[in-house]
Amino acid sequence: MAAAFDNQDGRIRGRALQARRLKVWSKDPRCAKCLKLCEFNALPGRGFQLDHKNPIFKGGPDTEENCQVLCCGPGSCHDMKTAKDLGHAPTLRITEDGWPEGT
């Protein structure tokens, strides 16, 4: 399937993007970082973000091979990876018992 580009930045959009999301998610519906099973929907905290392993703004290609499933929502793996990609200080996830994750 050929990528359909509708703007100058060369990012895939529309039906082609949705087809890529389904294809990548179908290969493995778990978050690439925490391995949480992600649903294929857009409900807050239950779906996923199609993330570029090597960010486009750092020269990564907008290809299926450069994409991965990451869980989304506040404090999610997608939020943490995006912050890291942008050079922001990492934030800790707070668990249900009120303690930082991993302590």
PDB file of N, CA and C in Angstrom:
ATOM      1  N   MET A   1       0.846  -1.183   0.000  1.00  0.00           N
ATOM      2  CA  MET A   1       0.000   0.000   0.000  1.00  0.00           C
ATOM      3  C   MET A   1       0.885   1.238   0.000  1.00  0.00           C
ATOM      4  N   ALA A   2       0.683   2.104  -0.930  1.00  0.00           N
ATOM      5  CA  ALA A   2       1.482   3.322  -1.021  1.00  0.00           C
ATOM      6  C   ALA A   2       1.002   4.341  -0.005  1.00  0.00           C
ATOM      7  N   ALA A   3       1.954   5.053   0.573  1.00  0.00           N
ATOM      8  CA  ALA A   3       1.619   6.092   1.549  1.00  0.00           C
ATOM      9  C   ALA A   3       1.010   7.281   0.832  1.00  0.00           C
ATOM     10  N   ALA A   4      -0.009   7.864   1.437  1.00  0.00           N
ATOM     11  CA  ALA A   4      -0.643   9.052   0.874  1.00  0.00           C
ATOM     12  C   ALA A   4      -0.241  10.252   1.718  1.00  0.00           C
ATOM     13  N   PHE A   5       0.447  11.196   1.107  1.00  0.00           N
ATOM     14  CA  PHE A   5       0.894  12.383   1.818  1.00  0.00           C
ATOM     15  C   PHE A   5       0.035  13.564   1.402  1.00  0.00           C
ATOM     16  N   ASP A   6      -0.435  14.319   2.377  1.00  0.00           N
ATOM     17  CA  ASP A   6      -1.289  15.452   2.047  1.00  0.00           C
ATOM     18  C   ASP A   6      -0.695  16.781   2.480  1.00  0.00           C
ATOM     19  N   ASN A   7       0.584  16.806   2.809  1.00  0.00           N
ATOM     20  CA  ASN A   7       1.192  18.062   3.237  1.00  0.00           C
ATOM     21  C   ASN A   7       2.693  18.021   3.023  1.00  0.00           C
ATOM     22  N   GLN A   8       3.361  19.083   3.398  1.00  0.00           N
ATOM     23  CA  GLN A   8       4.780  19.228   3.136  1.00  0.00           C
ATOM     24  C   GLN A   8       5.675  18.388   4.048  1.00  0.00           C
ATOM     25  N   ASP A   9       5.225  18.043   5.255  1.00  0.00           N
ATOM     26  CA  ASP A   9       6.123  17.333   6.175  1.00  0.00           C
ATOM     27  C   ASP A   9       6.243  15.836   5.859  1.00  0.00           C
ATOM     28  N   GLY A  10       5.447  15.330   4.936  1.00  0.00           N
ATOM     29  CA  GLY A  10       5.582  13.946   4.510  1.00  0.00           C
ATOM     30  C   GLY A  10       5.010  12.913   5.450  1.00  0.00           C
ATOM     31  N   ARG A  11       4.261  13.337   6.463  1.00  0.00           N
ATOM     32  CA  ARG A  11       3.659  12.374   7.395  1.00  0.00           C
ATOM     33  C   ARG A  11       2.419  11.751   6.776  1.00  0.00           C
ATOM     34  N   ILE A  12       2.258  10.477   7.048  1.00  0.00           N
ATOM     35  CA  ILE A  12       1.081   9.761   6.573  1.00  0.00           C
ATOM     36  C   ILE A  12      -0.131  10.210   7.393  1.00  0.00           C
ATOM     37  N   ARG A  13      -1.287  10.296   6.757  1.00  0.00           N
ATOM     38  CA  ARG A  13      -2.488  10.768   7.432  1.00  0.00           C
ATOM     39  C   ARG A  13      -3.714   9.991   6.934  1.00  0.00           C
ATOM     40  N   GLY A  14      -4.842  10.229   7.557  1.00  0.00           N
ATOM     41  CA  GLY A  14      -6.122   9.705   7.087  1.00  0.00           C
ATOM     42  C   GLY A  14      -6.221   8.196   7.095  1.00  0.00           C
ATOM     43  N   ARG A  15      -6.833   7.667   6.033  1.00  0.00           N
ATOM     44  CA  ARG A  15      -7.070   6.216   5.950  1.00  0.00           C
ATOM     45  C   ARG A  15      -5.772   5.421   5.942  1.00  0.00           C
ATOM     46  N   ALA A  16      -4.749   5.957   5.303  1.00  0.00           N
ATOM     47  CA  ALA A  16      -3.464   5.257   5.262  1.00  0.00           C
ATOM     48  C   ALA A  16      -2.884   5.130   6.670  1.00  0.00           C
ATOM     49  N   LEU A  17      -3.032   6.183   7.488  1.00  0.00           N
ATOM     50  CA  LEU A  17      -2.549   6.138   8.868  1.00  0.00           C
ATOM     51  C   LEU A  17      -3.341   5.110   9.672  1.00  0.00           C
ATOM     52  N   GLN A  18      -4.657   5.100   9.505  1.00  0.00           N
ATOM     53  CA  GLN A  18      -5.474   4.141  10.248  1.00  0.00           C
ATOM     54  C   GLN A  18      -5.150   2.702   9.846  1.00  0.00           C
ATOM     55  N   ALA A  19      -4.863   2.491   8.565  1.00  0.00           N
ATOM     56  CA  ALA A  19      -4.474   1.156   8.105  1.00  0.00           C
ATOM     57  C   ALA A  19      -3.141   0.750   8.743  1.00  0.00           C
ATOM     58  N   ARG A  20      -2.199   1.691   8.843  1.00  0.00           N
ATOM     59  CA  ARG A  20      -0.905   1.397   9.475  1.00  0.00           C
ATOM     60  C   ARG A  20      -1.095   1.096  10.949  1.00  0.00           C
ATOM     61  N   ARG A  21      -1.937   1.883  11.648  1.00  0.00           N
ATOM     62  CA  ARG A  21      -2.204   1.639  13.067  1.00  0.00           C
ATOM     63  C   ARG A  21      -2.713   0.216  13.272  1.00  0.00           C
ATOM     64  N   LEU A  22      -3.678  -0.191  12.448  1.00  0.00           N
ATOM     65  CA  LEU A  22      -4.256  -1.534  12.574  1.00  0.00           C
ATOM     66  C   LEU A  22      -3.208  -2.607  12.286  1.00  0.00           C
ATOM     67  N   LYS A  23      -2.380  -2.409  11.277  1.00  0.00           N
ATOM     68  CA  LYS A  23      -1.380  -3.402  10.909  1.00  0.00           C
ATOM     69  C   LYS A  23      -0.329  -3.570  12.011  1.00  0.00           C
ATOM     70  N   VAL A  24       0.174  -2.449  12.550  1.00  0.00           N
ATOM     71  CA  VAL A  24       1.190  -2.517  13.612  1.00  0.00           C
ATOM     72  C   VAL A  24       0.581  -3.122  14.869  1.00  0.00           C
ATOM     73  N   TRP A  25      -0.623  -2.684  15.239  1.00  0.00           N
ATOM     74  CA  TRP A  25      -1.301  -3.204  16.434  1.00  0.00           C
ATOM     75  C   TRP A  25      -1.624  -4.693  16.278  1.00  0.00           C
ATOM     76  N   SER A  26      -2.007  -5.123  15.081  1.00  0.00           N
ATOM     77  CA  SER A  26      -2.353  -6.528  14.845  1.00  0.00           C
ATOM     78  C   SER A  26      -1.144  -7.448  15.029  1.00  0.00           C
ATOM     79  N   LYS A  27       0.052  -6.956  14.714  1.00  0.00           N
ATOM     80  CA  LYS A  27       1.267  -7.758  14.904  1.00  0.00           C
ATOM     81  C   LYS A  27       1.529  -8.009  16.387  1.00  0.00           C
ATOM     82  N   ASP A  28       1.300  -6.985  17.221  1.00  0.00           N
ATOM     83  CA  ASP A  28       1.487  -7.121  18.667  1.00  0.00           C
ATOM     84  C   ASP A  28       0.718  -5.995  19.361  1.00  0.00           C
ATOM     85  N   PRO A  29      -0.409  -6.311  19.995  1.00  0.00           N
ATOM     86  CA  PRO A  29      -1.245  -5.278  20.617  1.00  0.00           C
ATOM     87  C   PRO A  29      -0.777  -4.819  21.999  1.00  0.00           C
ATOM     88  N   ARG A  30       0.441  -5.228  22.395  1.00  0.00           N
ATOM     89  CA  ARG A  30       0.951  -4.832  23.703  1.00  0.00           C
ATOM     90  C   ARG A  30       1.858  -3.613  23.587  1.00  0.00           C
ATOM     91  N   CYS A  31       1.889  -2.809  24.653  1.00  0.00           N
ATOM     92  CA  CYS A  31       2.787  -1.666  24.721  1.00  0.00           C
ATOM     93  C   CYS A  31       4.223  -2.183  24.606  1.00  0.00           C
ATOM     94  N   ALA A  32       5.015  -1.559  23.751  1.00  0.00           N
ATOM     95  CA  ALA A  32       6.395  -2.005  23.530  1.00  0.00           C
ATOM     96  C   ALA A  32       7.261  -1.812  24.769  1.00  0.00           C
ATOM     97  N   LYS A  33       6.850  -0.934  25.688  1.00  0.00           N
ATOM     98  CA  LYS A  33       7.663  -0.673  26.879  1.00  0.00           C
ATOM     99  C   LYS A  33       7.197  -1.491  28.092  1.00  0.00           C
ATOM    100  N   CYS A  34       5.925  -1.358  28.484  1.00  0.00           N
ATOM    101  CA  CYS A  34       5.440  -2.016  29.705  1.00  0.00           C
ATOM    102  C   CYS A  34       4.694  -3.328  29.437  1.00  0.00           C
ATOM    103  N   LEU A  35       4.466  -3.646  28.172  1.00  0.00           N
ATOM    104  CA  LEU A  35       3.791  -4.868  27.727  1.00  0.00           C
ATOM    105  C   LEU A  35       2.309  -4.940  28.104  1.00  0.00           C
ATOM    106  N   LYS A  36       1.731  -3.819  28.491  1.00  0.00           N
ATOM    107  CA  LYS A  36       0.298  -3.751  28.780  1.00  0.00           C
ATOM    108  C   LYS A  36      -0.482  -3.988  27.483  1.00  0.00           C
ATOM    109  N   LEU A  37      -1.527  -4.800  27.568  1.00  0.00           N
ATOM    110  CA  LEU A  37      -2.382  -5.041  26.411  1.00  0.00           C
ATOM    111  C   LEU A  37      -3.168  -3.775  26.111  1.00  0.00           C
ATOM    112  N   CYS A  38      -3.094  -3.280  24.894  1.00  0.00           N
ATOM    113  CA  CYS A  38      -3.758  -2.033  24.494  1.00  0.00           C
ATOM    114  C   CYS A  38      -4.933  -2.345  23.578  1.00  0.00           C
ATOM    115  N   GLU A  39      -6.046  -1.718  23.845  1.00  0.00           N
ATOM    116  CA  GLU A  39      -7.216  -1.886  22.999  1.00  0.00           C
ATOM    117  C   GLU A  39      -7.086  -1.027  21.748  1.00  0.00           C
ATOM    118  N   PHE A  40      -7.749  -1.447  20.686  1.00  0.00           N
ATOM    119  CA  PHE A  40      -7.752  -0.662  19.457  1.00  0.00           C
ATOM    120  C   PHE A  40      -8.969   0.255  19.484  1.00  0.00           C
ATOM    121  N   ASN A  41      -8.852   1.316  20.254  1.00  0.00           N
ATOM    122  CA  ASN A  41      -9.917   2.320  20.314  1.00  0.00           C
ATOM    123  C   ASN A  41      -9.323   3.634  20.778  1.00  0.00           C
ATOM    124  N   ALA A  42     -10.161   4.626  20.918  1.00  0.00           N
ATOM    125  CA  ALA A  42      -9.673   5.945  21.300  1.00  0.00           C
ATOM    126  C   ALA A  42     -10.179   6.382  22.672  1.00  0.00           C
ATOM    127  N   LEU A  43     -10.647   5.452  23.487  1.00  0.00           N
ATOM    128  CA  LEU A  43     -11.110   5.810  24.820  1.00  0.00           C
ATOM    129  C   LEU A  43      -9.914   6.230  25.670  1.00  0.00           C
ATOM    130  N   PRO A  44     -10.033   7.310  26.429  1.00  0.00           N
ATOM    131  CA  PRO A  44      -8.909   7.803  27.227  1.00  0.00           C
ATOM    132  C   PRO A  44      -8.344   6.719  28.151  1.00  0.00           C
ATOM    133  N   GLY A  45      -7.018   6.541  28.071  1.00  0.00           N
ATOM    134  CA  GLY A  45      -6.345   5.587  28.942  1.00  0.00           C
ATOM    135  C   GLY A  45      -6.470   4.132  28.546  1.00  0.00           C
ATOM    136  N   ARG A  46      -7.166   3.831  27.457  1.00  0.00           N
ATOM    137  CA  ARG A  46      -7.366   2.436  27.087  1.00  0.00           C
ATOM    138  C   ARG A  46      -6.802   2.100  25.719  1.00  0.00           C
ATOM    139  N   GLY A  47      -6.593   3.067  24.909  1.00  0.00           N
ATOM    140  CA  GLY A  47      -6.082   2.820  23.568  1.00  0.00           C
ATOM    141  C   GLY A  47      -4.564   2.857  23.538  1.00  0.00           C
ATOM    142  N   PHE A  48      -4.028   3.260  22.403  1.00  0.00           N
ATOM    143  CA  PHE A  48      -2.587   3.335  22.244  1.00  0.00           C
ATOM    144  C   PHE A  48      -2.226   4.475  21.311  1.00  0.00           C
ATOM    145  N   GLN A  49      -0.983   4.838  21.342  1.00  0.00           N
ATOM    146  CA  GLN A  49      -0.430   5.786  20.381  1.00  0.00           C
ATOM    147  C   GLN A  49       0.508   5.015  19.473  1.00  0.00           C
ATOM    148  N   LEU A  50       0.428   5.290  18.197  1.00  0.00           N
ATOM    149  CA  LEU A  50       1.384   4.727  17.253  1.00  0.00           C
ATOM    150  C   LEU A  50       2.607   5.630  17.312  1.00  0.00           C
ATOM    151  N   ASP A  51       3.656   5.126  17.909  1.00  0.00           N
ATOM    152  CA  ASP A  51       4.846   5.922  18.203  1.00  0.00           C
ATOM    153  C   ASP A  51       5.980   5.584  17.240  1.00  0.00           C
ATOM    154  N   HIS A  52       6.759   6.604  16.894  1.00  0.00           N
ATOM    155  CA  HIS A  52       7.945   6.385  16.064  1.00  0.00           C
ATOM    156  C   HIS A  52       9.122   6.050  16.971  1.00  0.00           C
ATOM    157  N   LYS A  53       9.714   4.881  16.792  1.00  0.00           N
ATOM    158  CA  LYS A  53      10.858   4.464  17.607  1.00  0.00           C
ATOM    159  C   LYS A  53      11.964   5.509  17.521  1.00  0.00           C
ATOM    160  N   ASN A  54      12.300   5.901  16.313  1.00  0.00           N
ATOM    161  CA  ASN A  54      13.243   6.987  16.065  1.00  0.00           C
ATOM    162  C   ASN A  54      12.396   8.175  15.615  1.00  0.00           C
ATOM    163  N   PRO A  55      12.253   9.203  16.462  1.00  0.00           N
ATOM    164  CA  PRO A  55      11.331  10.303  16.156  1.00  0.00           C
ATOM    165  C   PRO A  55      11.602  10.966  14.796  1.00  0.00           C
ATOM    166  N   ILE A  56      10.542  11.350  14.137  1.00  0.00           N
ATOM    167  CA  ILE A  56      10.658  12.003  12.836  1.00  0.00           C
ATOM    168  C   ILE A  56      11.478  13.281  12.944  1.00  0.00           C
ATOM    169  N   PHE A  57      11.280  14.045  14.033  1.00  0.00           N
ATOM    170  CA  PHE A  57      12.002  15.308  14.153  1.00  0.00           C
ATOM    171  C   PHE A  57      13.499  15.098  14.387  1.00  0.00           C
ATOM    172  N   LYS A  58      13.889  13.854  14.692  1.00  0.00           N
ATOM    173  CA  LYS A  58      15.309  13.537  14.826  1.00  0.00           C
ATOM    174  C   LYS A  58      15.827  12.780  13.604  1.00  0.00           C
ATOM    175  N   GLY A  59      15.051  12.806  12.534  1.00  0.00           N
ATOM    176  CA  GLY A  59      15.479  12.191  11.278  1.00  0.00           C
ATOM    177  C   GLY A  59      14.948  10.793  11.024  1.00  0.00           C
ATOM    178  N   GLY A  60      14.094  10.306  11.911  1.00  0.00           N
ATOM    179  CA  GLY A  60      13.530   8.970  11.718  1.00  0.00           C
ATOM    180  C   GLY A  60      12.525   8.954  10.580  1.00  0.00           C
ATOM    181  N   PRO A  61      12.410   7.838   9.892  1.00  0.00           N
ATOM    182  CA  PRO A  61      11.468   7.750   8.781  1.00  0.00           C
ATOM    183  C   PRO A  61      10.035   7.521   9.263  1.00  0.00           C
ATOM    184  N   ASP A  62       9.075   7.969   8.485  1.00  0.00           N
ATOM    185  CA  ASP A  62       7.667   7.715   8.787  1.00  0.00           C
ATOM    186  C   ASP A  62       7.270   6.437   8.068  1.00  0.00           C
ATOM    187  N   THR A  63       7.774   5.313   8.596  1.00  0.00           N
ATOM    188  CA  THR A  63       7.516   4.007   7.994  1.00  0.00           C
ATOM    189  C   THR A  63       6.944   3.061   9.044  1.00  0.00           C
ATOM    190  N   GLU A  64       6.345   2.002   8.568  1.00  0.00           N
ATOM    191  CA  GLU A  64       5.777   0.994   9.469  1.00  0.00           C
ATOM    192  C   GLU A  64       6.860   0.362  10.347  1.00  0.00           C
ATOM    193  N   GLU A  65       8.036   0.145   9.787  1.00  0.00           N
ATOM    194  CA  GLU A  65       9.129  -0.485  10.526  1.00  0.00           C
ATOM    195  C   GLU A  65       9.619   0.393  11.674  1.00  0.00           C
ATOM    196  N   ASN A  66       9.397   1.694  11.590  1.00  0.00           N
ATOM    197  CA  ASN A  66       9.833   2.632  12.631  1.00  0.00           C
ATOM    198  C   ASN A  66       8.714   2.904  13.637  1.00  0.00           C
ATOM    199  N   CYS A  67       7.618   2.172  13.560  1.00  0.00           N
ATOM    200  CA  CYS A  67       6.472   2.409  14.446  1.00  0.00           C
ATOM    201  C   CYS A  67       6.328   1.303  15.487  1.00  0.00           C
ATOM    202  N   GLN A  68       5.784   1.698  16.640  1.00  0.00           N
ATOM    203  CA  GLN A  68       5.519   0.754  17.721  1.00  0.00           C
ATOM    204  C   GLN A  68       4.265   1.195  18.465  1.00  0.00           C
ATOM    205  N   VAL A  69       3.654   0.266  19.162  1.00  0.00           N
ATOM    206  CA  VAL A  69       2.487   0.539  20.004  1.00  0.00           C
ATOM    207  C   VAL A  69       2.995   0.967  21.378  1.00  0.00           C
ATOM    208  N   LEU A  70       2.508   2.110  21.872  1.00  0.00           N
ATOM    209  CA  LEU A  70       2.784   2.537  23.244  1.00  0.00           C
ATOM    210  C   LEU A  70       1.467   2.901  23.909  1.00  0.00           C
ATOM    211  N   CYS A  71       1.308   2.491  25.183  1.00  0.00           N
ATOM    212  CA  CYS A  71       0.087   2.826  25.912  1.00  0.00           C
ATOM    213  C   CYS A  71      -0.010   4.347  26.066  1.00  0.00           C
ATOM    214  N   CYS A  72      -1.241   4.829  26.184  1.00  0.00           N
ATOM    215  CA  CYS A  72      -1.445   6.275  26.287  1.00  0.00           C
ATOM    216  C   CYS A  72      -2.263   6.609  27.522  1.00  0.00           C
ATOM    217  N   GLY A  73      -2.323   7.888  27.825  1.00  0.00           N
ATOM    218  CA  GLY A  73      -3.009   8.374  29.014  1.00  0.00           C
ATOM    219  C   GLY A  73      -2.010   9.101  29.899  1.00  0.00           C
ATOM    220  N   PRO A  74      -2.486   9.739  30.956  1.00  0.00           N
ATOM    221  CA  PRO A  74      -1.576  10.472  31.852  1.00  0.00           C
ATOM    222  C   PRO A  74      -0.517   9.545  32.464  1.00  0.00           C
ATOM    223  N   GLY A  75       0.733   9.941  32.393  1.00  0.00           N
ATOM    224  CA  GLY A  75       1.814   9.149  32.949  1.00  0.00           C
ATOM    225  C   GLY A  75       2.125   7.882  32.182  1.00  0.00           C
ATOM    226  N   SER A  76       1.657   7.799  30.944  1.00  0.00           N
ATOM    227  CA  SER A  76       1.815   6.585  30.141  1.00  0.00           C
ATOM    228  C   SER A  76       3.214   6.449  29.553  1.00  0.00           C
ATOM    229  N   CYS A  77       3.467   5.300  28.991  1.00  0.00           N
ATOM    230  CA  CYS A  77       4.742   5.061  28.324  1.00  0.00           C
ATOM    231  C   CYS A  77       4.941   6.035  27.166  1.00  0.00           C
ATOM    232  N   HIS A  78       3.859   6.361  26.444  1.00  0.00           N
ATOM    233  CA  HIS A  78       3.974   7.327  25.347  1.00  0.00           C
ATOM    234  C   HIS A  78       4.370   8.701  25.880  1.00  0.00           C
ATOM    235  N   ASP A  79       3.743   9.132  26.973  1.00  0.00           N
ATOM    236  CA  ASP A  79       4.094  10.430  27.574  1.00  0.00           C
ATOM    237  C   ASP A  79       5.557  10.449  28.004  1.00  0.00           C
ATOM    238  N   MET A  80       6.014   9.362  28.643  1.00  0.00           N
ATOM    239  CA  MET A  80       7.396   9.311  29.124  1.00  0.00           C
ATOM    240  C   MET A  80       8.393   9.284  27.966  1.00  0.00           C
ATOM    241  N   LYS A  81       8.092   8.538  26.899  1.00  0.00           N
ATOM    242  CA  LYS A  81       9.004   8.489  25.763  1.00  0.00           C
ATOM    243  C   LYS A  81       9.053   9.841  25.057  1.00  0.00           C
ATOM    244  N   THR A  82       7.906  10.486  24.901  1.00  0.00           N
ATOM    245  CA  THR A  82       7.874  11.796  24.254  1.00  0.00           C
ATOM    246  C   THR A  82       8.695  12.799  25.048  1.00  0.00           C
ATOM    247  N   ALA A  83       8.539  12.794  26.372  1.00  0.00           N
ATOM    248  CA  ALA A  83       9.317  13.706  27.215  1.00  0.00           C
ATOM    249  C   ALA A  83      10.813  13.431  27.071  1.00  0.00           C
ATOM    250  N   LYS A  84      11.178  12.158  27.041  1.00  0.00           N
ATOM    251  CA  LYS A  84      12.590  11.796  26.881  1.00  0.00           C
ATOM    252  C   LYS A  84      13.105  12.239  25.514  1.00  0.00           C
ATOM    253  N   ASP A  85      12.322  11.993  24.462  1.00  0.00           N
ATOM    254  CA  ASP A  85      12.712  12.401  23.111  1.00  0.00           C
ATOM    255  C   ASP A  85      12.943  13.908  23.028  1.00  0.00           C
ATOM    256  N   LEU A  86      12.145  14.674  23.786  1.00  0.00           N
ATOM    257  CA  LEU A  86      12.255  16.135  23.770  1.00  0.00           C
ATOM    258  C   LEU A  86      13.296  16.654  24.752  1.00  0.00           C
ATOM    259  N   GLY A  87      13.905  15.753  25.517  1.00  0.00           N
ATOM    260  CA  GLY A  87      14.945  16.153  26.458  1.00  0.00           C
ATOM    261  C   GLY A  87      14.424  16.670  27.786  1.00  0.00           C
ATOM    262  N   HIS A  88      13.177  16.369  28.115  1.00  0.00           N
ATOM    263  CA  HIS A  88      12.606  16.789  29.401  1.00  0.00           C
ATOM    264  C   HIS A  88      13.018  15.818  30.502  1.00  0.00           C
ATOM    265  N   ALA A  89      13.022  16.302  31.724  1.00  0.00           N
ATOM    266  CA  ALA A  89      13.344  15.451  32.870  1.00  0.00           C
ATOM    267  C   ALA A  89      12.263  14.376  33.006  1.00  0.00           C
ATOM    268  N   PRO A  90      12.657  13.152  33.342  1.00  0.00           N
ATOM    269  CA  PRO A  90      11.661  12.076  33.476  1.00  0.00           C
ATOM    270  C   PRO A  90      10.737  12.316  34.667  1.00  0.00           C
ATOM    271  N   THR A  91       9.504  11.877  34.513  1.00  0.00           N
ATOM    272  CA  THR A  91       8.545  11.951  35.612  1.00  0.00           C
ATOM    273  C   THR A  91       8.269  10.542  36.095  1.00  0.00           C
ATOM    274  N   LEU A  92       7.995  10.411  37.359  1.00  0.00           N
ATOM    275  CA  LEU A  92       7.695   9.111  37.940  1.00  0.00           C
ATOM    276  C   LEU A  92       6.217   8.820  37.851  1.00  0.00           C
ATOM    277  N   ARG A  93       5.880   7.587  37.584  1.00  0.00           N
ATOM    278  CA  ARG A  93       4.492   7.145  37.640  1.00  0.00           C
ATOM    279  C   ARG A  93       4.143   6.860  39.083  1.00  0.00           C
ATOM    280  N   ILE A  94       2.986   7.306  39.510  1.00  0.00           N
ATOM    281  CA  ILE A  94       2.496   7.040  40.862  1.00  0.00           C
ATOM    282  C   ILE A  94       1.498   5.894  40.782  1.00  0.00           C
ATOM    283  N   THR A  95       1.720   4.862  41.582  1.00  0.00           N
ATOM    284  CA  THR A  95       0.844   3.690  41.565  1.00  0.00           C
ATOM    285  C   THR A  95      -0.421   3.963  42.376  1.00  0.00           C
ATOM    286  N   GLU A  96      -1.337   3.021  42.352  1.00  0.00           N
ATOM    287  CA  GLU A  96      -2.610   3.175  43.058  1.00  0.00           C
ATOM    288  C   GLU A  96      -2.434   3.332  44.561  1.00  0.00           C
ATOM    289  N   ASP A  97      -1.345   2.781  45.116  1.00  0.00           N
ATOM    290  CA  ASP A  97      -1.122   2.920  46.556  1.00  0.00           C
ATOM    291  C   ASP A  97      -0.435   4.227  46.926  1.00  0.00           C
ATOM    292  N   GLY A  98      -0.177   5.085  45.920  1.00  0.00           N
ATOM    293  CA  GLY A  98       0.395   6.408  46.202  1.00  0.00           C
ATOM    294  C   GLY A  98       1.902   6.476  46.172  1.00  0.00           C
ATOM    295  N   TRP A  99       2.561   5.359  45.895  1.00  0.00           N
ATOM    296  CA  TRP A  99       4.024   5.325  45.853  1.00  0.00           C
ATOM    297  C   TRP A  99       4.490   5.363  44.410  1.00  0.00           C
ATOM    298  N   PRO A 100       5.681   5.930  44.180  1.00  0.00           N
ATOM    299  CA  PRO A 100       6.227   5.921  42.828  1.00  0.00           C
ATOM    300  C   PRO A 100       6.467   4.491  42.350  1.00  0.00           C
ATOM    301  N   GLU A 101       6.216   4.254  41.074  1.00  0.00           N
ATOM    302  CA  GLU A 101       6.396   2.934  40.498  1.00  0.00           C
ATOM    303  C   GLU A 101       7.858   2.510  40.606  1.00  0.00           C
ATOM    304  N   GLY A 102       8.080   1.244  40.937  1.00  0.00           N
ATOM    305  CA  GLY A 102       9.426   0.703  41.020  1.00  0.00           C
ATOM    306  C   GLY A 102      10.115   0.898  42.354  1.00  0.00           C
ATOM    307  N   THR A 103       9.390   1.413  43.363  1.00  0.00           N
ATOM    308  CA  THR A 103      10.012   1.590  44.691  1.00  0.00           C
ATOM    309  C   THR A 103       9.512   0.552  45.664  1.00  0.00           C
TER     310      THR A 103
END
